[in-house]
Each structure stands twice: as C-alpha cells, then as structure tokens.
Amino acid sequence: MSDRRFVALDRDGTVIVERHYLSNPEQVELLSGAGAGLKRLRELGLGLVLLTNQSAISRGMFDHDRLGLIHERLAELLAAHGVRFDGIYYCPHRPDENCACRKPEPEMLRRAADELKFDPTLSFVIGDKPCDIDLGRASGATTVLVRTGYGAEVERTQAAVPDYIVNDLSEAALLIERLISTDQDRRAQG
C-alpha cells in the first residue's frame, strides 16, 4: 500500500457541467474552477480518480464505447490544464439492479484503492450529491460537498452530512491543502 493520498471525484456537477444523461462528447464542459482545482490537487502530490454512476448504459441510452468517447473528451479538456486522472471508474447499472458498484455503495472506491494501492480512509471524496458523500462516509474518507451541480440544493435541504462544504473544486483544493498541512504539522509535533 502506497503512502500517496487520493481524491475521488464525482463527474457530473462536480468536474463537468451537469447534463441530464450526457451522451454527446461535444457537450462535455468543465465547470468553472475545475481545471485549476484539479491542477492544484496534482501539485500537492495527490492521486485523482473519477467515480461516476452511468445508468444510461443499462437504460440503453448509449453504450460503453460512447461513454469512452465522453471520457476521452474530458481527458482532452483536462490535459489543457496539465491534469489527468489516475483512473476512471463507473457503474453502468440502474438503481433497481441493486449492484455493489453504484454509489453510494463503496465498491468503486474499493476497486480504485486496490488497483492503485491507496488507503481509502486517507482519501478525500468530493461530489455534489448525497450518494457521493454517503460513499465517502461508508469508506471512512473525508467528504467534501461542492455547491456546483446539485450541491447547493443538497446543502439547503441538508440531504447529506459532509465533513466540509465549499463552492467549487478550486475551493476544495485550497481546503484539502490546509487539511494536509495541518496533518503534517500534527505529525511533526507528535
């Protein structure tokens, strides 16, 4: 197991603009602050993984190849900011299929942790929906709700109980930088 810490991110409404069942790669658009925030997380030496529920596949709206094209487009947009993901994990199932990989179930994060050799309890999970926060809590990770996408509504209705709430990924990166610095200070004094 590596000492490297990771950030697990939701895709729609967290990294890219929320589009109902996004199926067109040309509609992939980074949210304001996403590129800069992800770049800062990389500069801190953190690994980055994307975890996304994609039930449109099981619903027959598009296939795995189309999803691959969407993620290729996302990779192109992030490359312009000098950023790449260490891994992209997705669940193709509908909620009624009761699979182990659909968020908030922790299987996607566990699989990423196994493949990339990191401890999920030392990770940060960032998202805009209750399923993201619940996944992080179930995994023992530090959870961060962003107000982008559905996040502002989730905060308003208190539909999730995150450890922290921030405006966007840029602000999330600053928060995580402070948390890591505080951790290091404690260990140095300890």
Foldseek 3Di string as FASTA:
>chain_A
DDPAEAEEEEPDQAQFDHDVLDQDLVRTHGDPLNLVLQLLCVVVVHAYEYEYERLCCVVVVDHPVSVVSNVVSVQVVNVVSVHDHPYYYYHNHDPVVPDQRDFPRQVRVVVCCVVVVDQLLDYEFEEQDQSRQSNSVVSNHQYEHECTDNNVVCVVVVVHDHNYYYHGSNVVSVVVVVVVVVVVVVVVVD
